[in-house]
Amino acid sequence: MIKQAGKQRGFTGWHMAAVMALFFGTIISVNFVMAWNASRSWSGLVVENTYIASQQFNGKMAEARSFQANGLAGRLRAEPGAIRYVLTRKGEPAQQIDRVVAVFKRPVEQHEDLQVEFDRQGQGAFLATKRLKPGQWIADLTAISGGAVVYRQAVRFIVPGEGK
């Protein structure tokens, strides 16, 4: 007696349906996870009102040119447990700066933003005893003399360290 070989099963419509469901299910799942993470990590807000921001642009550019013309330059350095800011005018320590205030922001998140007022350490030298978490930061620094803003600077920098 000759035994007949078993019936060969090929790739059926059910197999194709399973492959398609797995493929599109994976794509849709990844999209949902990415959209959820994006909506939690960044507000998407750059300015409150774009029309008002556009109206203020020329004034801000004129202010930046006047700050540049007055010869002031600032240097920010993040250290473990402290942030140093040094202001110089034509290479010499700036004499007339009373206060420096900074707003530290993450490039794409708002929940870690903080405002810091620096302590004066001497002519043109300021120190804030604040520990920043490792990673990228943007510092918006404002130097004040006699109640008037005399210098503004935005600095993007990286605080070294392990993870968040």
N, C-alpha and C. Protein backbone atom coordinates (compact mmCIF):
# COMPACT_ATOMS: atom_id res chain seq x y z
N MET A 1 0.83 -1.14 0.00
CA MET A 1 0.00 0.00 0.00
C MET A 1 0.89 1.23 0.00
N ILE A 2 0.52 2.12 -0.85
CA ILE A 2 1.28 3.36 -1.00
C ILE A 2 0.56 4.46 -0.23
N LYS A 3 1.34 5.08 0.62
CA LYS A 3 0.76 6.16 1.42
C LYS A 3 0.84 7.45 0.62
N GLN A 4 -0.26 8.14 0.57
CA GLN A 4 -0.30 9.38 -0.20
C GLN A 4 0.30 10.51 0.64
N ALA A 5 1.09 11.32 -0.03
CA ALA A 5 1.73 12.46 0.64
C ALA A 5 0.66 13.40 1.17
N GLY A 6 0.98 14.07 2.33
CA GLY A 6 0.01 15.00 2.92
C GLY A 6 -0.27 16.19 2.01
N LYS A 7 -1.44 16.73 2.17
CA LYS A 7 -1.86 17.85 1.34
C LYS A 7 -1.05 19.09 1.73
N GLN A 8 -0.45 19.77 0.76
CA GLN A 8 0.34 20.96 1.01
C GLN A 8 -0.59 22.15 1.17
N ARG A 9 -0.32 22.90 2.25
CA ARG A 9 -1.10 24.12 2.45
C ARG A 9 -0.27 25.30 2.00
N GLY A 10 -0.81 26.13 1.20
CA GLY A 10 -0.10 27.31 0.72
C GLY A 10 -0.48 28.54 1.53
N PHE A 11 -0.06 29.65 1.05
CA PHE A 11 -0.34 30.94 1.67
C PHE A 11 -1.76 31.31 1.30
N THR A 12 -2.63 31.38 2.32
CA THR A 12 -4.05 31.59 2.05
C THR A 12 -4.46 33.03 2.33
N GLY A 13 -5.68 33.30 2.05
CA GLY A 13 -6.24 34.64 2.31
C GLY A 13 -6.21 34.99 3.78
N TRP A 14 -6.39 33.99 4.63
CA TRP A 14 -6.34 34.23 6.08
C TRP A 14 -4.93 34.65 6.52
N HIS A 15 -3.93 34.04 5.90
CA HIS A 15 -2.55 34.43 6.21
C HIS A 15 -2.32 35.89 5.82
N MET A 16 -2.80 36.26 4.65
CA MET A 16 -2.63 37.64 4.18
C MET A 16 -3.36 38.61 5.09
N ALA A 17 -4.55 38.26 5.53
CA ALA A 17 -5.31 39.13 6.44
C ALA A 17 -4.55 39.32 7.76
N ALA A 18 -3.94 38.25 8.26
CA ALA A 18 -3.18 38.34 9.51
C ALA A 18 -1.95 39.24 9.32
N VAL A 19 -1.25 39.08 8.20
CA VAL A 19 -0.07 39.91 7.92
C VAL A 19 -0.48 41.38 7.83
N MET A 20 -1.56 41.68 7.13
CA MET A 20 -2.03 43.06 6.98
C MET A 20 -2.45 43.64 8.34
N ALA A 21 -3.14 42.87 9.15
CA ALA A 21 -3.58 43.35 10.46
C ALA A 21 -2.38 43.64 11.35
N LEU A 22 -1.38 42.76 11.35
CA LEU A 22 -0.17 42.99 12.14
C LEU A 22 0.60 44.22 11.65
N PHE A 23 0.73 44.36 10.35
CA PHE A 23 1.46 45.48 9.78
C PHE A 23 0.79 46.81 10.14
N PHE A 24 -0.48 46.95 9.81
CA PHE A 24 -1.17 48.20 10.08
C PHE A 24 -1.41 48.43 11.57
N GLY A 25 -1.58 47.36 12.31
CA GLY A 25 -1.71 47.50 13.76
C GLY A 25 -0.45 48.07 14.38
N THR A 26 0.70 47.62 13.91
CA THR A 26 1.98 48.13 14.40
C THR A 26 2.12 49.61 14.05
N ILE A 27 1.85 49.99 12.82
CA ILE A 27 1.96 51.39 12.39
C ILE A 27 1.03 52.29 13.19
N ILE A 28 -0.20 51.88 13.35
CA ILE A 28 -1.17 52.69 14.10
C ILE A 28 -0.79 52.80 15.56
N SER A 29 -0.31 51.70 16.15
CA SER A 29 0.12 51.73 17.56
C SER A 29 1.28 52.69 17.76
N VAL A 30 2.27 52.64 16.88
CA VAL A 30 3.42 53.54 16.98
C VAL A 30 2.96 54.99 16.84
N ASN A 31 2.07 55.26 15.90
CA ASN A 31 1.56 56.63 15.71
C ASN A 31 0.85 57.13 16.97
N PHE A 32 0.05 56.30 17.59
CA PHE A 32 -0.65 56.72 18.81
C PHE A 32 0.34 57.00 19.94
N VAL A 33 1.35 56.16 20.10
CA VAL A 33 2.35 56.37 21.15
C VAL A 33 3.11 57.67 20.89
N MET A 34 3.53 57.91 19.66
CA MET A 34 4.27 59.13 19.34
C MET A 34 3.40 60.37 19.53
N ALA A 35 2.16 60.33 19.13
CA ALA A 35 1.26 61.48 19.30
C ALA A 35 1.01 61.75 20.78
N TRP A 36 0.85 60.70 21.57
CA TRP A 36 0.65 60.87 23.02
C TRP A 36 1.87 61.52 23.66
N ASN A 37 3.08 61.02 23.32
CA ASN A 37 4.31 61.61 23.86
C ASN A 37 4.47 63.06 23.43
N ALA A 38 4.18 63.37 22.19
CA ALA A 38 4.32 64.74 21.69
C ALA A 38 3.35 65.67 22.40
N SER A 39 2.15 65.23 22.64
CA SER A 39 1.16 66.11 23.28
C SER A 39 1.47 66.33 24.76
N ARG A 40 2.18 65.41 25.38
CA ARG A 40 2.53 65.56 26.80
C ARG A 40 3.81 66.36 27.02
N SER A 41 4.73 66.36 26.03
CA SER A 41 6.04 66.96 26.27
C SER A 41 6.19 68.38 25.76
N TRP A 42 5.30 68.87 24.92
CA TRP A 42 5.44 70.23 24.41
C TRP A 42 4.08 70.84 24.19
N SER A 43 3.93 72.03 24.68
CA SER A 43 2.63 72.69 24.57
C SER A 43 2.37 73.16 23.15
N GLY A 44 3.42 73.35 22.35
CA GLY A 44 3.25 73.88 21.00
C GLY A 44 3.16 75.39 20.99
N LEU A 45 3.14 76.01 22.16
CA LEU A 45 2.99 77.45 22.26
C LEU A 45 4.35 78.12 22.15
N VAL A 46 4.51 78.98 21.17
CA VAL A 46 5.73 79.74 21.01
C VAL A 46 5.50 81.16 21.53
N VAL A 47 4.42 81.78 21.12
CA VAL A 47 4.02 83.09 21.64
C VAL A 47 2.52 83.06 21.88
N GLU A 48 2.07 83.87 22.83
CA GLU A 48 0.64 83.92 23.15
C GLU A 48 -0.17 84.43 21.96
N ASN A 49 0.30 85.53 21.34
CA ASN A 49 -0.45 86.15 20.27
C ASN A 49 0.54 86.50 19.15
N THR A 50 0.46 85.81 18.02
CA THR A 50 1.42 86.01 16.94
C THR A 50 1.32 87.40 16.34
N TYR A 51 0.13 87.98 16.29
CA TYR A 51 -0.03 89.32 15.72
C TYR A 51 0.71 90.35 16.56
N ILE A 52 0.55 90.29 17.87
CA ILE A 52 1.24 91.23 18.76
C ILE A 52 2.75 91.01 18.69
N ALA A 53 3.18 89.75 18.64
CA ALA A 53 4.61 89.45 18.54
C ALA A 53 5.19 90.04 17.26
N SER A 54 4.47 89.96 16.16
CA SER A 54 4.97 90.52 14.90
C SER A 54 5.04 92.04 14.96
N GLN A 55 4.14 92.67 15.70
CA GLN A 55 4.16 94.12 15.84
C GLN A 55 5.34 94.58 16.70
N GLN A 56 5.80 93.74 17.61
CA GLN A 56 6.89 94.09 18.52
C GLN A 56 8.27 93.75 17.95
N PHE A 57 8.32 93.08 16.81
CA PHE A 57 9.58 92.60 16.27
C PHE A 57 10.58 93.72 16.00
N ASN A 58 10.16 94.77 15.30
CA ASN A 58 11.08 95.86 14.96
C ASN A 58 11.65 96.52 16.21
N GLY A 59 10.82 96.72 17.23
CA GLY A 59 11.30 97.30 18.48
C GLY A 59 12.34 96.42 19.16
N LYS A 60 12.11 95.11 19.13
CA LYS A 60 13.07 94.18 19.74
C LYS A 60 14.39 94.17 18.96
N MET A 61 14.32 94.29 17.65
CA MET A 61 15.54 94.33 16.85
C MET A 61 16.33 95.62 17.12
N ALA A 62 15.64 96.73 17.26
CA ALA A 62 16.32 98.00 17.58
C ALA A 62 16.96 97.92 18.96
N GLU A 63 16.27 97.31 19.92
CA GLU A 63 16.81 97.13 21.26
C GLU A 63 18.07 96.26 21.22
N ALA A 64 18.04 95.18 20.45
CA ALA A 64 19.21 94.29 20.34
C ALA A 64 20.39 95.02 19.72
N ARG A 65 20.15 95.88 18.70
CA ARG A 65 21.24 96.65 18.10
C ARG A 65 21.84 97.64 19.09
N SER A 66 20.98 98.26 19.92
CA SER A 66 21.51 99.21 20.91
C SER A 66 22.32 98.48 21.99
N PHE A 67 21.88 97.29 22.40
CA PHE A 67 22.65 96.51 23.37
C PHE A 67 24.02 96.13 22.80
N GLN A 68 24.03 95.78 21.53
CA GLN A 68 25.28 95.39 20.89
C GLN A 68 26.22 96.60 20.78
N ALA A 69 25.67 97.78 20.53
CA ALA A 69 26.48 98.99 20.38
C ALA A 69 27.08 99.46 21.70
N ASN A 70 26.46 99.12 22.85
CA ASN A 70 26.99 99.62 24.12
C ASN A 70 28.22 98.86 24.60
N GLY A 71 28.64 97.82 23.87
CA GLY A 71 29.89 97.14 24.17
C GLY A 71 29.82 96.06 25.24
N LEU A 72 28.62 95.79 25.78
CA LEU A 72 28.51 94.75 26.80
C LEU A 72 28.53 93.36 26.17
N ALA A 73 29.11 92.42 26.87
CA ALA A 73 29.12 91.02 26.45
C ALA A 73 28.97 90.16 27.70
N GLY A 74 28.19 89.12 27.59
CA GLY A 74 27.97 88.23 28.73
C GLY A 74 28.44 86.83 28.45
N ARG A 75 28.88 86.14 29.50
CA ARG A 75 29.32 84.74 29.39
C ARG A 75 28.69 83.95 30.53
N LEU A 76 27.96 82.91 30.17
CA LEU A 76 27.26 82.06 31.14
C LEU A 76 28.00 80.73 31.25
N ARG A 77 28.12 80.24 32.49
CA ARG A 77 28.76 78.94 32.71
C ARG A 77 28.01 78.19 33.80
N ALA A 78 27.54 77.00 33.47
CA ALA A 78 26.86 76.15 34.44
C ALA A 78 27.87 75.22 35.09
N GLU A 79 27.87 75.22 36.42
CA GLU A 79 28.77 74.38 37.20
C GLU A 79 27.90 73.49 38.09
N PRO A 80 28.47 72.46 38.68
CA PRO A 80 27.67 71.64 39.60
C PRO A 80 27.16 72.48 40.77
N GLY A 81 25.86 72.66 40.85
CA GLY A 81 25.26 73.39 41.96
C GLY A 81 25.28 74.91 41.84
N ALA A 82 25.77 75.45 40.74
CA ALA A 82 25.84 76.90 40.59
C ALA A 82 25.86 77.29 39.11
N ILE A 83 25.44 78.54 38.87
CA ILE A 83 25.48 79.10 37.53
C ILE A 83 26.19 80.45 37.64
N ARG A 84 27.22 80.64 36.84
CA ARG A 84 27.98 81.89 36.85
C ARG A 84 27.69 82.68 35.59
N TYR A 85 27.58 84.00 35.77
CA TYR A 85 27.37 84.89 34.63
C TYR A 85 28.31 86.08 34.80
N VAL A 86 29.13 86.32 33.79
CA VAL A 86 30.10 87.40 33.84
C VAL A 86 29.80 88.37 32.71
N LEU A 87 29.66 89.65 33.08
CA LEU A 87 29.42 90.71 32.10
C LEU A 87 30.67 91.57 31.97
N THR A 88 31.07 91.80 30.74
CA THR A 88 32.22 92.65 30.48
C THR A 88 31.83 93.74 29.48
N ARG A 89 32.55 94.85 29.57
CA ARG A 89 32.39 95.93 28.59
C ARG A 89 33.76 96.19 28.00
N LYS A 90 33.90 95.84 26.74
CA LYS A 90 35.17 96.01 26.02
C LYS A 90 36.32 95.30 26.76
N GLY A 91 36.05 94.09 27.26
CA GLY A 91 37.07 93.29 27.89
C GLY A 91 37.27 93.51 29.38
N GLU A 92 36.69 94.57 29.93
CA GLU A 92 36.82 94.87 31.36
C GLU A 92 35.51 94.52 32.07
N PRO A 93 35.56 94.16 33.36
CA PRO A 93 34.32 93.86 34.09
C PRO A 93 33.34 95.04 34.04
N ALA A 94 32.08 94.74 33.78
CA ALA A 94 31.05 95.79 33.71
C ALA A 94 30.85 96.38 35.10
N GLN A 95 30.90 97.71 35.20
CA GLN A 95 30.87 98.39 36.49
C GLN A 95 29.45 98.67 36.99
N GLN A 96 28.55 99.05 36.12
CA GLN A 96 27.28 99.63 36.55
C GLN A 96 26.10 98.66 36.59
N ILE A 97 26.31 97.40 36.57
CA ILE A 97 25.20 96.43 36.57
C ILE A 97 24.80 96.13 38.01
N ASP A 98 23.52 96.38 38.33
CA ASP A 98 23.03 96.15 39.69
C ASP A 98 22.52 94.72 39.89
N ARG A 99 21.75 94.25 38.92
CA ARG A 99 21.09 92.94 39.05
C ARG A 99 21.12 92.20 37.73
N VAL A 100 21.05 90.89 37.84
CA VAL A 100 20.86 90.04 36.67
C VAL A 100 19.77 89.03 37.02
N VAL A 101 18.78 88.97 36.14
CA VAL A 101 17.66 88.03 36.30
C VAL A 101 17.65 87.13 35.07
N ALA A 102 17.42 85.85 35.29
CA ALA A 102 17.40 84.90 34.17
C ALA A 102 16.17 84.01 34.26
N VAL A 103 15.67 83.65 33.09
CA VAL A 103 14.62 82.64 32.98
C VAL A 103 15.24 81.46 32.25
N PHE A 104 15.27 80.32 32.93
CA PHE A 104 15.82 79.10 32.34
C PHE A 104 14.68 78.25 31.83
N LYS A 105 14.78 77.85 30.56
CA LYS A 105 13.72 77.07 29.93
C LYS A 105 14.33 75.90 29.19
N ARG A 106 13.57 74.82 29.12
CA ARG A 106 13.93 73.71 28.26
C ARG A 106 13.50 74.08 26.84
N PRO A 107 14.20 73.61 25.81
CA PRO A 107 13.82 73.98 24.45
C PRO A 107 12.39 73.59 24.05
N VAL A 108 11.86 72.47 24.58
CA VAL A 108 10.53 72.04 24.14
C VAL A 108 9.56 71.73 25.26
N GLU A 109 9.90 72.04 26.49
CA GLU A 109 9.01 71.74 27.60
C GLU A 109 8.85 72.98 28.46
N GLN A 110 7.71 73.09 29.12
CA GLN A 110 7.48 74.24 29.98
C GLN A 110 7.49 73.89 31.46
N HIS A 111 7.31 72.64 31.81
CA HIS A 111 7.12 72.29 33.22
C HIS A 111 8.38 72.45 34.07
N GLU A 112 9.56 72.62 33.46
CA GLU A 112 10.78 72.81 34.24
C GLU A 112 11.29 74.25 34.20
N ASP A 113 10.55 75.17 33.59
CA ASP A 113 10.98 76.57 33.51
C ASP A 113 11.13 77.15 34.91
N LEU A 114 12.16 77.99 35.09
CA LEU A 114 12.34 78.64 36.38
C LEU A 114 13.00 80.00 36.19
N GLN A 115 12.65 80.93 37.08
CA GLN A 115 13.24 82.26 37.07
C GLN A 115 14.19 82.36 38.25
N VAL A 116 15.38 82.92 37.99
CA VAL A 116 16.43 83.01 39.00
C VAL A 116 16.99 84.42 39.01
N GLU A 117 17.19 84.96 40.20
CA GLU A 117 17.91 86.22 40.33
C GLU A 117 19.31 85.91 40.83
N PHE A 118 20.29 86.39 40.11
CA PHE A 118 21.70 86.14 40.45
C PHE A 118 22.14 87.05 41.59
N ASP A 119 23.07 86.55 42.42
CA ASP A 119 23.69 87.35 43.48
C ASP A 119 24.96 87.97 42.91
N ARG A 120 25.16 89.23 43.22
CA ARG A 120 26.35 89.93 42.74
C ARG A 120 27.57 89.44 43.53
N GLN A 121 28.62 89.08 42.81
CA GLN A 121 29.85 88.58 43.43
C GLN A 121 31.01 89.56 43.29
N GLY A 122 30.81 90.64 42.60
CA GLY A 122 31.86 91.62 42.35
C GLY A 122 31.53 92.37 41.08
N GLN A 123 32.47 93.14 40.59
CA GLN A 123 32.24 93.91 39.37
C GLN A 123 31.97 92.99 38.18
N GLY A 124 30.76 93.00 37.69
CA GLY A 124 30.40 92.23 36.50
C GLY A 124 30.26 90.74 36.72
N ALA A 125 30.41 90.25 37.94
CA ALA A 125 30.33 88.81 38.21
C ALA A 125 29.08 88.51 39.03
N PHE A 126 28.32 87.52 38.59
CA PHE A 126 27.08 87.16 39.26
C PHE A 126 27.01 85.65 39.41
N LEU A 127 26.37 85.20 40.51
CA LEU A 127 26.29 83.78 40.81
C LEU A 127 24.89 83.43 41.28
N ALA A 128 24.38 82.32 40.78
CA ALA A 128 23.11 81.76 41.24
C ALA A 128 23.39 80.35 41.74
N THR A 129 23.04 80.09 42.98
CA THR A 129 23.25 78.75 43.55
C THR A 129 22.02 77.91 43.26
N LYS A 130 21.89 77.53 42.02
CA LYS A 130 20.76 76.73 41.57
C LYS A 130 21.31 75.55 40.78
N ARG A 131 20.78 74.38 41.06
CA ARG A 131 21.21 73.18 40.34
C ARG A 131 20.22 72.93 39.20
N LEU A 132 20.74 72.90 37.99
CA LEU A 132 19.92 72.59 36.82
C LEU A 132 20.08 71.12 36.47
N LYS A 133 18.99 70.51 36.06
CA LYS A 133 19.05 69.11 35.63
C LYS A 133 19.88 69.01 34.36
N PRO A 134 20.54 67.88 34.14
CA PRO A 134 21.32 67.71 32.92
C PRO A 134 20.46 67.82 31.67
N GLY A 135 21.07 68.29 30.59
CA GLY A 135 20.39 68.40 29.31
C GLY A 135 20.46 69.80 28.75
N GLN A 136 19.69 70.05 27.70
CA GLN A 136 19.70 71.33 27.03
C GLN A 136 18.81 72.35 27.74
N TRP A 137 19.29 73.58 27.78
CA TRP A 137 18.56 74.69 28.38
C TRP A 137 18.72 75.93 27.52
N ILE A 138 17.77 76.84 27.65
CA ILE A 138 17.88 78.18 27.07
C ILE A 138 17.74 79.15 28.23
N ALA A 139 18.72 80.06 28.34
CA ALA A 139 18.68 81.08 29.40
C ALA A 139 18.40 82.42 28.75
N ASP A 140 17.34 83.09 29.20
CA ASP A 140 17.05 84.47 28.80
C ASP A 140 17.52 85.35 29.95
N LEU A 141 18.63 86.04 29.74
CA LEU A 141 19.27 86.83 30.80
C LEU A 141 18.99 88.32 30.59
N THR A 142 18.71 89.01 31.69
CA THR A 142 18.45 90.45 31.65
C THR A 142 19.32 91.12 32.71
N ALA A 143 20.14 92.07 32.26
CA ALA A 143 20.99 92.86 33.17
C ALA A 143 20.31 94.21 33.41
N ILE A 144 20.25 94.60 34.68
CA ILE A 144 19.52 95.81 35.07
C ILE A 144 20.47 96.74 35.82
N SER A 145 20.40 98.02 35.47
CA SER A 145 21.19 99.05 36.14
C SER A 145 20.28 100.23 36.43
N GLY A 146 20.14 100.58 37.72
CA GLY A 146 19.29 101.71 38.09
C GLY A 146 17.84 101.54 37.69
N GLY A 147 17.35 100.34 37.66
CA GLY A 147 15.95 100.07 37.31
C GLY A 147 15.70 99.96 35.81
N ALA A 148 16.71 100.20 34.98
CA ALA A 148 16.55 100.12 33.52
C ALA A 148 17.28 98.90 32.98
N VAL A 149 16.70 98.28 31.99
CA VAL A 149 17.34 97.14 31.33
C VAL A 149 18.46 97.67 30.45
N VAL A 150 19.69 97.20 30.70
CA VAL A 150 20.83 97.67 29.91
C VAL A 150 21.39 96.58 28.99
N TYR A 151 20.99 95.34 29.21
CA TYR A 151 21.50 94.27 28.35
C TYR A 151 20.58 93.07 28.45
N ARG A 152 20.35 92.44 27.31
CA ARG A 152 19.59 91.19 27.25
C ARG A 152 20.36 90.21 26.40
N GLN A 153 20.30 88.94 26.81
CA GLN A 153 21.01 87.91 26.08
C GLN A 153 20.26 86.59 26.22
N ALA A 154 20.20 85.85 25.13
CA ALA A 154 19.65 84.50 25.16
C ALA A 154 20.79 83.53 24.86
N VAL A 155 20.96 82.55 25.72
CA VAL A 155 22.06 81.59 25.59
C VAL A 155 21.48 80.19 25.61
N ARG A 156 21.84 79.40 24.63
CA ARG A 156 21.47 77.98 24.62
C ARG A 156 22.70 77.20 25.05
N PHE A 157 22.53 76.33 26.05
CA PHE A 157 23.67 75.61 26.59
C PHE A 157 23.25 74.23 27.06
N ILE A 158 24.24 73.40 27.33
CA ILE A 158 24.00 72.04 27.79
C ILE A 158 24.62 71.85 29.15
N VAL A 159 23.83 71.35 30.08
CA VAL A 159 24.33 71.00 31.41
C VAL A 159 24.72 69.52 31.35
N PRO A 160 26.00 69.22 31.56
CA PRO A 160 26.42 67.82 31.47
C PRO A 160 25.89 66.99 32.63
N GLY A 161 25.80 65.72 32.43
CA GLY A 161 25.34 64.81 33.47
C GLY A 161 24.68 63.60 32.87
N GLU A 162 24.18 62.76 33.75
CA GLU A 162 23.54 61.52 33.36
C GLU A 162 22.04 61.71 33.22
N GLY A 163 21.48 61.49 32.05
CA GLY A 163 20.04 61.45 31.82
C GLY A 163 19.30 62.60 32.43
N LYS A 164 17.99 62.40 32.60
CA LYS A 164 17.16 63.44 33.20
C LYS A 164 17.07 63.15 34.63
